[in-house]
């Protein structure tokens, strides 16, 4: 598994949580908490205090011209808490 962190989640809520030291990322479905912590440490040079993960099921999408529906892909989100003195620059706003 070469890419554990797929992308940061930059929503209004996640940017508000970033002020308290909690950062949200979309991660690989097969990654465990230890792998996520190591990837965050390596990529952003911060210490990880806590990780919470959740798997979200994909949205249901209607197939055009039919009554059929299909389910989108699942994603895994991880919320990482870092010490109060450390920050991740991706979440900084002007």
PDB file of N, CA and C in Angstrom:
ATOM      1  N   UNK A   1       0.848  -1.171   0.000  1.00  0.00           N
ATOM      2  CA  UNK A   1       0.000   0.000   0.000  1.00  0.00           C
ATOM      3  C   UNK A   1       0.900   1.243   0.000  1.00  0.00           C
ATOM      4  N   UNK A   2       1.051   1.851  -1.163  1.00  0.00           N
ATOM      5  CA  UNK A   2       1.983   2.960  -1.275  1.00  0.00           C
ATOM      6  C   UNK A   2       1.346   4.302  -0.927  1.00  0.00           C
ATOM      7  N   UNK A   3       0.042   4.467  -1.145  1.00  0.00           N
ATOM      8  CA  UNK A   3      -0.623   5.731  -0.822  1.00  0.00           C
ATOM      9  C   UNK A   3      -1.679   5.508   0.244  1.00  0.00           C
ATOM     10  N   UNK A   4      -1.356   5.823   1.469  1.00  0.00           N
ATOM     11  CA  UNK A   4      -2.302   5.664   2.572  1.00  0.00           C
ATOM     12  C   UNK A   4      -3.237   6.871   2.608  1.00  0.00           C
ATOM     13  N   UNK A   5      -2.676   8.070   2.530  1.00  0.00           N
ATOM     14  CA  UNK A   5      -3.481   9.293   2.545  1.00  0.00           C
ATOM     15  C   UNK A   5      -3.840   9.650   1.112  1.00  0.00           C
ATOM     16  N   UNK A   6      -5.135   9.717   0.830  1.00  0.00           N
ATOM     17  CA  UNK A   6      -5.560  10.078  -0.518  1.00  0.00           C
ATOM     18  C   UNK A   6      -5.650  11.593  -0.679  1.00  0.00           C
ATOM     19  N   UNK A   7      -6.392  12.260   0.230  1.00  0.00           N
ATOM     20  CA  UNK A   7      -6.513  13.720   0.148  1.00  0.00           C
ATOM     21  C   UNK A   7      -7.050  14.261   1.459  1.00  0.00           C
ATOM     22  N   UNK A   8      -6.774  15.531   1.759  1.00  0.00           N
ATOM     23  CA  UNK A   8      -7.383  16.154   2.935  1.00  0.00           C
ATOM     24  C   UNK A   8      -8.839  16.502   2.630  1.00  0.00           C
ATOM     25  N   UNK A   9      -9.668  16.499   3.652  1.00  0.00           N
ATOM     26  CA  UNK A   9     -11.068  16.854   3.483  1.00  0.00           C
ATOM     27  C   UNK A   9     -11.217  18.306   3.936  1.00  0.00           C
ATOM     28  N   UNK A  10     -11.472  19.197   2.988  1.00  0.00           N
ATOM     29  CA  UNK A  10     -11.532  20.625   3.259  1.00  0.00           C
ATOM     30  C   UNK A  10     -12.980  21.103   3.149  1.00  0.00           C
ATOM     31  N   UNK A  11     -13.727  20.915   4.221  1.00  0.00           N
ATOM     32  CA  UNK A  11     -15.098  21.407   4.289  1.00  0.00           C
ATOM     33  C   UNK A  11     -15.163  22.470   5.375  1.00  0.00           C
ATOM     34  N   UNK A  12     -16.302  23.118   5.462  1.00  0.00           N
ATOM     35  CA  UNK A  12     -16.445  24.161   6.480  1.00  0.00           C
ATOM     36  C   UNK A  12     -16.282  23.579   7.880  1.00  0.00           C
ATOM     37  N   UNK A  13     -16.848  22.420   8.098  1.00  0.00           N
ATOM     38  CA  UNK A  13     -16.753  21.782   9.410  1.00  0.00           C
ATOM     39  C   UNK A  13     -15.319  21.334   9.725  1.00  0.00           C
ATOM     40  N   UNK A  14     -14.643  20.742   8.735  1.00  0.00           N
ATOM     41  CA  UNK A  14     -13.283  20.265   8.997  1.00  0.00           C
ATOM     42  C   UNK A  14     -12.316  21.430   9.225  1.00  0.00           C
ATOM     43  N   UNK A  15     -12.534  22.546   8.552  1.00  0.00           N
ATOM     44  CA  UNK A  15     -11.682  23.714   8.785  1.00  0.00           C
ATOM     45  C   UNK A  15     -11.930  24.307  10.168  1.00  0.00           C
ATOM     46  N   UNK A  16     -13.163  24.224  10.643  1.00  0.00           N
ATOM     47  CA  UNK A  16     -13.465  24.693  11.991  1.00  0.00           C
ATOM     48  C   UNK A  16     -12.827  23.781  13.035  1.00  0.00           C
ATOM     49  N   UNK A  17     -12.846  22.459  12.793  1.00  0.00           N
ATOM     50  CA  UNK A  17     -12.210  21.513  13.710  1.00  0.00           C
ATOM     51  C   UNK A  17     -10.694  21.656  13.698  1.00  0.00           C
ATOM     52  N   UNK A  18     -10.130  22.134  12.585  1.00  0.00           N
ATOM     53  CA  UNK A  18      -8.682  22.294  12.483  1.00  0.00           C
ATOM     54  C   UNK A  18      -8.165  23.324  13.483  1.00  0.00           C
ATOM     55  N   UNK A  19      -9.009  24.258  13.890  1.00  0.00           N
ATOM     56  CA  UNK A  19      -8.580  25.257  14.877  1.00  0.00           C
ATOM     57  C   UNK A  19      -8.378  24.627  16.259  1.00  0.00           C
ATOM     58  N   UNK A  20      -9.017  23.467  16.501  1.00  0.00           N
ATOM     59  CA  UNK A  20      -8.854  22.774  17.782  1.00  0.00           C
ATOM     60  C   UNK A  20      -7.851  21.626  17.698  1.00  0.00           C
ATOM     61  N   UNK A  21      -7.195  21.468  16.543  1.00  0.00           N
ATOM     62  CA  UNK A  21      -6.162  20.441  16.408  1.00  0.00           C
ATOM     63  C   UNK A  21      -6.646  19.122  15.842  1.00  0.00           C
ATOM     64  N   UNK A  22      -7.829  19.101  15.236  1.00  0.00           N
ATOM     65  CA  UNK A  22      -8.358  17.885  14.601  1.00  0.00           C
ATOM     66  C   UNK A  22      -8.391  18.088  13.089  1.00  0.00           C
ATOM     67  N   UNK A  23      -7.787  17.159  12.358  1.00  0.00           N
ATOM     68  CA  UNK A  23      -7.675  17.257  10.904  1.00  0.00           C
ATOM     69  C   UNK A  23      -8.273  16.007  10.261  1.00  0.00           C
ATOM     70  N   UNK A  24      -9.028  16.188   9.164  1.00  0.00           N
ATOM     71  CA  UNK A  24      -9.714  15.075   8.508  1.00  0.00           C
ATOM     72  C   UNK A  24      -9.080  14.774   7.159  1.00  0.00           C
ATOM     73  N   UNK A  25      -8.935  13.480   6.885  1.00  0.00           N
ATOM     74  CA  UNK A  25      -8.345  13.021   5.633  1.00  0.00           C
ATOM     75  C   UNK A  25      -9.154  11.859   5.076  1.00  0.00           C
ATOM     76  N   UNK A  26      -9.149  11.735   3.750  1.00  0.00           N
ATOM     77  CA  UNK A  26      -9.657  10.522   3.116  1.00  0.00           C
ATOM     78  C   UNK A  26      -8.466   9.588   2.963  1.00  0.00           C
ATOM     79  N   UNK A  27      -8.626   8.353   3.441  1.00  0.00           N
ATOM     80  CA  UNK A  27      -7.513   7.404   3.444  1.00  0.00           C
ATOM     81  C   UNK A  27      -7.916   6.131   2.710  1.00  0.00           C
ATOM     82  N   UNK A  28      -6.939   5.273   2.477  1.00  0.00           N
ATOM     83  CA  UNK A  28      -7.174   4.001   1.815  1.00  0.00           C
ATOM     84  C   UNK A  28      -8.060   3.103   2.678  1.00  0.00           C
ATOM     85  N   UNK A  29      -8.966   2.365   2.046  1.00  0.00           N
ATOM     86  CA  UNK A  29      -9.902   1.506   2.770  1.00  0.00           C
ATOM     87  C   UNK A  29      -9.200   0.426   3.595  1.00  0.00           C
ATOM     88  N   UNK A  30      -8.057  -0.045   3.130  1.00  0.00           N
ATOM     89  CA  UNK A  30      -7.368  -1.153   3.800  1.00  0.00           C
ATOM     90  C   UNK A  30      -6.362  -0.683   4.853  1.00  0.00           C
ATOM     91  N   UNK A  31      -6.185   0.630   4.999  1.00  0.00           N
ATOM     92  CA  UNK A  31      -5.189   1.152   5.946  1.00  0.00           C
ATOM     93  C   UNK A  31      -5.718   1.055   7.373  1.00  0.00           C
ATOM     94  N   UNK A  32      -4.836   0.636   8.292  1.00  0.00           N
ATOM     95  CA  UNK A  32      -5.232   0.621   9.703  1.00  0.00           C
ATOM     96  C   UNK A  32      -4.702   1.889  10.388  1.00  0.00           C
ATOM     97  N   UNK A  33      -5.045   2.059  11.657  1.00  0.00           N
ATOM     98  CA  UNK A  33      -4.711   3.289  12.367  1.00  0.00           C
ATOM     99  C   UNK A  33      -3.209   3.514  12.489  1.00  0.00           C
ATOM    100  N   UNK A  34      -2.464   2.448  12.673  1.00  0.00           N
ATOM    101  CA  UNK A  34      -1.011   2.564  12.804  1.00  0.00           C
ATOM    102  C   UNK A  34      -0.391   3.070  11.497  1.00  0.00           C
ATOM    103  N   UNK A  35      -0.856   2.539  10.373  1.00  0.00           N
ATOM    104  CA  UNK A  35      -0.340   2.976   9.075  1.00  0.00           C
ATOM    105  C   UNK A  35      -0.714   4.429   8.797  1.00  0.00           C
ATOM    106  N   UNK A  36      -1.928   4.812   9.183  1.00  0.00           N
ATOM    107  CA  UNK A  36      -2.363   6.198   8.985  1.00  0.00           C
ATOM    108  C   UNK A  36      -1.510   7.147   9.823  1.00  0.00           C
ATOM    109  N   UNK A  37      -1.249   6.790  11.076  1.00  0.00           N
ATOM    110  CA  UNK A  37      -0.435   7.626  11.961  1.00  0.00           C
ATOM    111  C   UNK A  37       0.973   7.804  11.401  1.00  0.00           C
ATOM    112  N   UNK A  38       1.569   6.728  10.924  1.00  0.00           N
ATOM    113  CA  UNK A  38       2.918   6.818  10.355  1.00  0.00           C
ATOM    114  C   UNK A  38       2.937   7.688   9.103  1.00  0.00           C
ATOM    115  N   UNK A  39       1.912   7.581   8.269  1.00  0.00           N
ATOM    116  CA  UNK A  39       1.847   8.384   7.046  1.00  0.00           C
ATOM    117  C   UNK A  39       1.682   9.870   7.364  1.00  0.00           C
ATOM    118  N   UNK A  40       0.869  10.190   8.378  1.00  0.00           N
ATOM    119  CA  UNK A  40       0.669  11.590   8.776  1.00  0.00           C
ATOM    120  C   UNK A  40       1.966  12.162   9.353  1.00  0.00           C
ATOM    121  N   UNK A  41       2.653  11.378  10.201  1.00  0.00           N
ATOM    122  CA  UNK A  41       3.928  11.824  10.770  1.00  0.00           C
ATOM    123  C   UNK A  41       4.943  12.117   9.679  1.00  0.00           C
ATOM    124  N   UNK A  42       5.043  11.210   8.714  1.00  0.00           N
ATOM    125  CA  UNK A  42       6.028  11.330   7.647  1.00  0.00           C
ATOM    126  C   UNK A  42       5.703  12.494   6.705  1.00  0.00           C
ATOM    127  N   UNK A  43       4.439  12.667   6.372  1.00  0.00           N
ATOM    128  CA  UNK A  43       4.057  13.679   5.394  1.00  0.00           C
ATOM    129  C   UNK A  43       4.059  15.098   5.962  1.00  0.00           C
ATOM    130  N   UNK A  44       3.633  15.266   7.224  1.00  0.00           N
ATOM    131  CA  UNK A  44       3.437  16.609   7.768  1.00  0.00           C
ATOM    132  C   UNK A  44       4.327  16.942   8.962  1.00  0.00           C
ATOM    133  N   UNK A  45       5.170  16.033   9.415  1.00  0.00           N
ATOM    134  CA  UNK A  45       6.098  16.241  10.532  1.00  0.00           C
ATOM    135  C   UNK A  45       5.391  16.691  11.806  1.00  0.00           C
ATOM    136  N   UNK A  46       4.333  15.966  12.184  1.00  0.00           N
ATOM    137  CA  UNK A  46       3.598  16.254  13.420  1.00  0.00           C
ATOM    138  C   UNK A  46       3.461  14.956  14.215  1.00  0.00           C
ATOM    139  N   UNK A  47       3.212  15.092  15.518  1.00  0.00           N
ATOM    140  CA  UNK A  47       2.937  13.931  16.361  1.00  0.00           C
ATOM    141  C   UNK A  47       1.437  13.672  16.361  1.00  0.00           C
ATOM    142  N   UNK A  48       1.051  12.409  16.346  1.00  0.00           N
ATOM    143  CA  UNK A  48      -0.360  12.036  16.321  1.00  0.00           C
ATOM    144  C   UNK A  48      -0.755  11.543  17.711  1.00  0.00           C
ATOM    145  N   UNK A  49      -1.776  12.169  18.305  1.00  0.00           N
ATOM    146  CA  UNK A  49      -2.254  11.763  19.623  1.00  0.00           C
ATOM    147  C   UNK A  49      -3.399  10.756  19.525  1.00  0.00           C
ATOM    148  N   UNK A  50      -4.283  10.934  18.548  1.00  0.00           N
ATOM    149  CA  UNK A  50      -5.488  10.102  18.460  1.00  0.00           C
ATOM    150  C   UNK A  50      -5.947  10.031  17.010  1.00  0.00           C
ATOM    151  N   UNK A  51      -6.509   8.883  16.625  1.00  0.00           N
ATOM    152  CA  UNK A  51      -7.073   8.714  15.292  1.00  0.00           C
ATOM    153  C   UNK A  51      -8.445   8.075  15.422  1.00  0.00           C
ATOM    154  N   UNK A  52      -9.411   8.649  14.728  1.00  0.00           N
ATOM    155  CA  UNK A  52     -10.744   8.057  14.641  1.00  0.00           C
ATOM    156  C   UNK A  52     -11.041   7.815  13.172  1.00  0.00           C
ATOM    157  N   UNK A  53     -11.474   6.603  12.850  1.00  0.00           N
ATOM    158  CA  UNK A  53     -11.762   6.264  11.462  1.00  0.00           C
ATOM    159  C   UNK A  53     -13.215   5.847  11.316  1.00  0.00           C
ATOM    160  N   UNK A  54     -13.738   6.036  10.115  1.00  0.00           N
ATOM    161  CA  UNK A  54     -15.083   5.576   9.798  1.00  0.00           C
ATOM    162  C   UNK A  54     -15.154   5.297   8.304  1.00  0.00           C
ATOM    163  N   UNK A  55     -15.960   4.308   7.947  1.00  0.00           N
ATOM    164  CA  UNK A  55     -16.158   3.944   6.549  1.00  0.00           C
ATOM    165  C   UNK A  55     -17.555   4.387   6.155  1.00  0.00           C
ATOM    166  N   UNK A  56     -17.628   5.190   5.095  1.00  0.00           N
ATOM    167  CA  UNK A  56     -18.902   5.709   4.609  1.00  0.00           C
ATOM    168  C   UNK A  56     -19.306   4.955   3.359  1.00  0.00           C
ATOM    169  N   UNK A  57     -20.564   4.513   3.315  1.00  0.00           N
ATOM    170  CA  UNK A  57     -21.010   3.801   2.125  1.00  0.00           C
ATOM    171  C   UNK A  57     -21.254   4.799   1.003  1.00  0.00           C
ATOM    172  N   UNK A  58     -21.169   4.320  -0.221  1.00  0.00           N
ATOM    173  CA  UNK A  58     -21.304   5.193  -1.380  1.00  0.00           C
ATOM    174  C   UNK A  58     -22.739   5.632  -1.619  1.00  0.00           C
ATOM    175  N   UNK A  59     -22.895   6.741  -2.318  1.00  0.00           N
ATOM    176  CA  UNK A  59     -24.217   7.255  -2.651  1.00  0.00           C
ATOM    177  C   UNK A  59     -24.907   6.344  -3.645  1.00  0.00           C
ATOM    178  N   UNK A  60     -26.220   6.287  -3.583  1.00  0.00           N
ATOM    179  CA  UNK A  60     -26.986   5.533  -4.567  1.00  0.00           C
ATOM    180  C   UNK A  60     -27.244   6.441  -5.755  1.00  0.00           C
ATOM    181  N   UNK A  61     -26.983   5.956  -6.961  1.00  0.00           N
ATOM    182  CA  UNK A  61     -27.075   6.762  -8.171  1.00  0.00           C
ATOM    183  C   UNK A  61     -28.008   6.068  -9.157  1.00  0.00           C
ATOM    184  N   UNK A  62     -28.962   6.822  -9.728  1.00  0.00           N
ATOM    185  CA  UNK A  62     -29.848   6.274 -10.736  1.00  0.00           C
ATOM    186  C   UNK A  62     -29.111   6.150 -12.050  1.00  0.00           C
ATOM    187  N   UNK A  63     -29.314   5.033 -12.748  1.00  0.00           N
ATOM    188  CA  UNK A  63     -28.732   4.833 -14.066  1.00  0.00           C
ATOM    189  C   UNK A  63     -29.682   5.479 -15.068  1.00  0.00           C
ATOM    190  N   UNK A  64     -29.157   6.343 -15.878  1.00  0.00           N
ATOM    191  CA  UNK A  64     -29.959   7.165 -16.782  1.00  0.00           C
ATOM    192  C   UNK A  64     -30.806   6.317 -17.729  1.00  0.00           C
ATOM    193  N   UNK A  65     -32.084   6.656 -17.828  1.00  0.00           N
ATOM    194  CA  UNK A  65     -32.981   5.991 -18.762  1.00  0.00           C
ATOM    195  C   UNK A  65     -33.562   4.693 -18.245  1.00  0.00           C
ATOM    196  N   UNK A  66     -33.237   4.290 -17.011  1.00  0.00           N
ATOM    197  CA  UNK A  66     -33.768   3.050 -16.450  1.00  0.00           C
ATOM    198  C   UNK A  66     -34.224   3.300 -15.024  1.00  0.00           C
ATOM    199  N   UNK A  67     -34.825   2.291 -14.447  1.00  0.00           N
ATOM    200  CA  UNK A  67     -35.203   2.368 -13.037  1.00  0.00           C
ATOM    201  C   UNK A  67     -34.121   1.823 -12.118  1.00  0.00           C
ATOM    202  N   UNK A  68     -33.047   1.374 -12.687  1.00  0.00           N
ATOM    203  CA  UNK A  68     -31.990   0.740 -11.918  1.00  0.00           C
ATOM    204  C   UNK A  68     -31.161   1.767 -11.146  1.00  0.00           C
ATOM    205  N   UNK A  69     -30.639   1.346 -10.017  1.00  0.00           N
ATOM    206  CA  UNK A  69     -29.730   2.157  -9.219  1.00  0.00           C
ATOM    207  C   UNK A  69     -28.458   1.366  -8.973  1.00  0.00           C
ATOM    208  N   UNK A  70     -27.370   2.085  -8.823  1.00  0.00           N
ATOM    209  CA  UNK A  70     -26.131   1.432  -8.427  1.00  0.00           C
ATOM    210  C   UNK A  70     -25.556   2.205  -7.257  1.00  0.00           C
ATOM    211  N   UNK A  71     -24.718   1.543  -6.485  1.00  0.00           N
ATOM    212  CA  UNK A  71     -24.124   2.169  -5.319  1.00  0.00           C
ATOM    213  C   UNK A  71     -22.721   2.639  -5.653  1.00  0.00           C
ATOM    214  N   UNK A  72     -22.374   3.845  -5.230  1.00  0.00           N
ATOM    215  CA  UNK A  72     -21.046   4.389  -5.467  1.00  0.00           C
ATOM    216  C   UNK A  72     -20.005   3.708  -4.593  1.00  0.00           C
ATOM    217  N   UNK A  73     -18.777   4.129  -4.753  1.00  0.00           N
ATOM    218  CA  UNK A  73     -17.668   3.524  -4.018  1.00  0.00           C
ATOM    219  C   UNK A  73     -17.671   3.972  -2.557  1.00  0.00           C
ATOM    220  N   UNK A  74     -17.233   3.082  -1.668  1.00  0.00           N
ATOM    221  CA  UNK A  74     -17.074   3.409  -0.251  1.00  0.00           C
ATOM    222  C   UNK A  74     -15.822   4.269  -0.079  1.00  0.00           C
ATOM    223  N   UNK A  75     -15.835   5.113   0.950  1.00  0.00           N
ATOM    224  CA  UNK A  75     -14.626   5.863   1.294  1.00  0.00           C
ATOM    225  C   UNK A  75     -14.386   5.729   2.794  1.00  0.00           C
ATOM    226  N   UNK A  76     -13.128   5.870   3.178  1.00  0.00           N
ATOM    227  CA  UNK A  76     -12.754   5.810   4.581  1.00  0.00           C
ATOM    228  C   UNK A  76     -12.197   7.163   4.991  1.00  0.00           C
ATOM    229  N   UNK A  77     -12.752   7.719   6.067  1.00  0.00           N
ATOM    230  CA  UNK A  77     -12.288   8.996   6.593  1.00  0.00           C
ATOM    231  C   UNK A  77     -11.545   8.760   7.896  1.00  0.00           C
ATOM    232  N   UNK A  78     -10.511   9.544   8.108  1.00  0.00           N
ATOM    233  CA  UNK A  78      -9.765   9.494   9.365  1.00  0.00           C
ATOM    234  C   UNK A  78      -9.651  10.904   9.926  1.00  0.00           C
ATOM    235  N   UNK A  79      -9.995  11.050  11.193  1.00  0.00           N
ATOM    236  CA  UNK A  79      -9.821  12.328  11.889  1.00  0.00           C
ATOM    237  C   UNK A  79      -8.653  12.156  12.849  1.00  0.00           C
ATOM    238  N   UNK A  80      -7.664  13.017  12.690  1.00  0.00           N
ATOM    239  CA  UNK A  80      -6.408  12.915  13.431  1.00  0.00           C
ATOM    240  C   UNK A  80      -6.303  14.094  14.385  1.00  0.00           C
ATOM    241  N   UNK A  81      -5.938  13.811  15.637  1.00  0.00           N
ATOM    242  CA  UNK A  81      -5.728  14.879  16.621  1.00  0.00           C
ATOM    243  C   UNK A  81      -4.233  15.008  16.873  1.00  0.00           C
ATOM    244  N   UNK A  82      -3.745  16.252  16.825  1.00  0.00           N
ATOM    245  CA  UNK A  82      -2.329  16.532  17.053  1.00  0.00           C
ATOM    246  C   UNK A  82      -2.196  17.426  18.278  1.00  0.00           C
ATOM    247  N   UNK A  83      -1.007  17.519  18.885  1.00  0.00           N
ATOM    248  CA  UNK A  83      -0.808  18.384  20.059  1.00  0.00           C
ATOM    249  C   UNK A  83      -1.106  19.853  19.747  1.00  0.00           C
ATOM    250  N   UNK A  84      -1.390  20.616  20.788  1.00  0.00           N
ATOM    251  CA  UNK A  84      -1.856  21.995  20.616  1.00  0.00           C
ATOM    252  C   UNK A  84      -0.843  22.911  19.929  1.00  0.00           C
ATOM    253  N   UNK A  85       0.425  22.659  20.057  1.00  0.00           N
ATOM    254  CA  UNK A  85       1.429  23.529  19.445  1.00  0.00           C
ATOM    255  C   UNK A  85       1.714  23.237  17.983  1.00  0.00           C
ATOM    256  N   UNK A  86       1.230  22.116  17.468  1.00  0.00           N
ATOM    257  CA  UNK A  86       1.545  21.700  16.102  1.00  0.00           C
ATOM    258  C   UNK A  86       0.347  21.910  15.177  1.00  0.00           C
ATOM    259  N   UNK A  87       0.658  22.207  13.898  1.00  0.00           N
ATOM    260  CA  UNK A  87      -0.395  22.446  12.910  1.00  0.00           C
ATOM    261  C   UNK A  87      -0.024  21.793  11.593  1.00  0.00           C
ATOM    262  N   UNK A  88      -1.039  21.522  10.776  1.00  0.00           N
ATOM    263  CA  UNK A  88      -0.843  20.999   9.427  1.00  0.00           C
ATOM    264  C   UNK A  88      -1.167  22.135   8.468  1.00  0.00           C
ATOM    265  N   UNK A  89      -0.208  22.504   7.637  1.00  0.00           N
ATOM    266  CA  UNK A  89      -0.313  23.708   6.819  1.00  0.00           C
ATOM    267  C   UNK A  89      -1.400  23.646   5.735  1.00  0.00           C
ATOM    268  N   UNK A  90      -1.818  22.473   5.324  1.00  0.00           N
ATOM    269  CA  UNK A  90      -2.842  22.338   4.285  1.00  0.00           C
ATOM    270  C   UNK A  90      -4.159  22.961   4.735  1.00  0.00           C
ATOM    271  N   UNK A  91      -4.448  22.931   6.037  1.00  0.00           N
ATOM    272  CA  UNK A  91      -5.702  23.409   6.569  1.00  0.00           C
ATOM    273  C   UNK A  91      -5.672  24.884   6.983  1.00  0.00           C
ATOM    274  N   UNK A  92      -4.553  25.560   6.786  1.00  0.00           N
ATOM    275  CA  UNK A  92      -4.448  26.969   7.151  1.00  0.00           C
ATOM    276  C   UNK A  92      -5.228  27.821   6.152  1.00  0.00           C
ATOM    277  N   UNK A  93      -6.037  28.755   6.657  1.00  0.00           N
ATOM    278  CA  UNK A  93      -6.791  29.678   5.803  1.00  0.00           C
ATOM    279  C   UNK A  93      -6.268  31.079   6.009  1.00  0.00           C
ATOM    280  N   UNK A  94      -6.444  31.896   4.979  1.00  0.00           N
ATOM    281  CA  UNK A  94      -5.926  33.260   5.044  1.00  0.00           C
ATOM    282  C   UNK A  94      -6.776  34.166   5.886  1.00  0.00           C
TER     283      UNK A  94
END
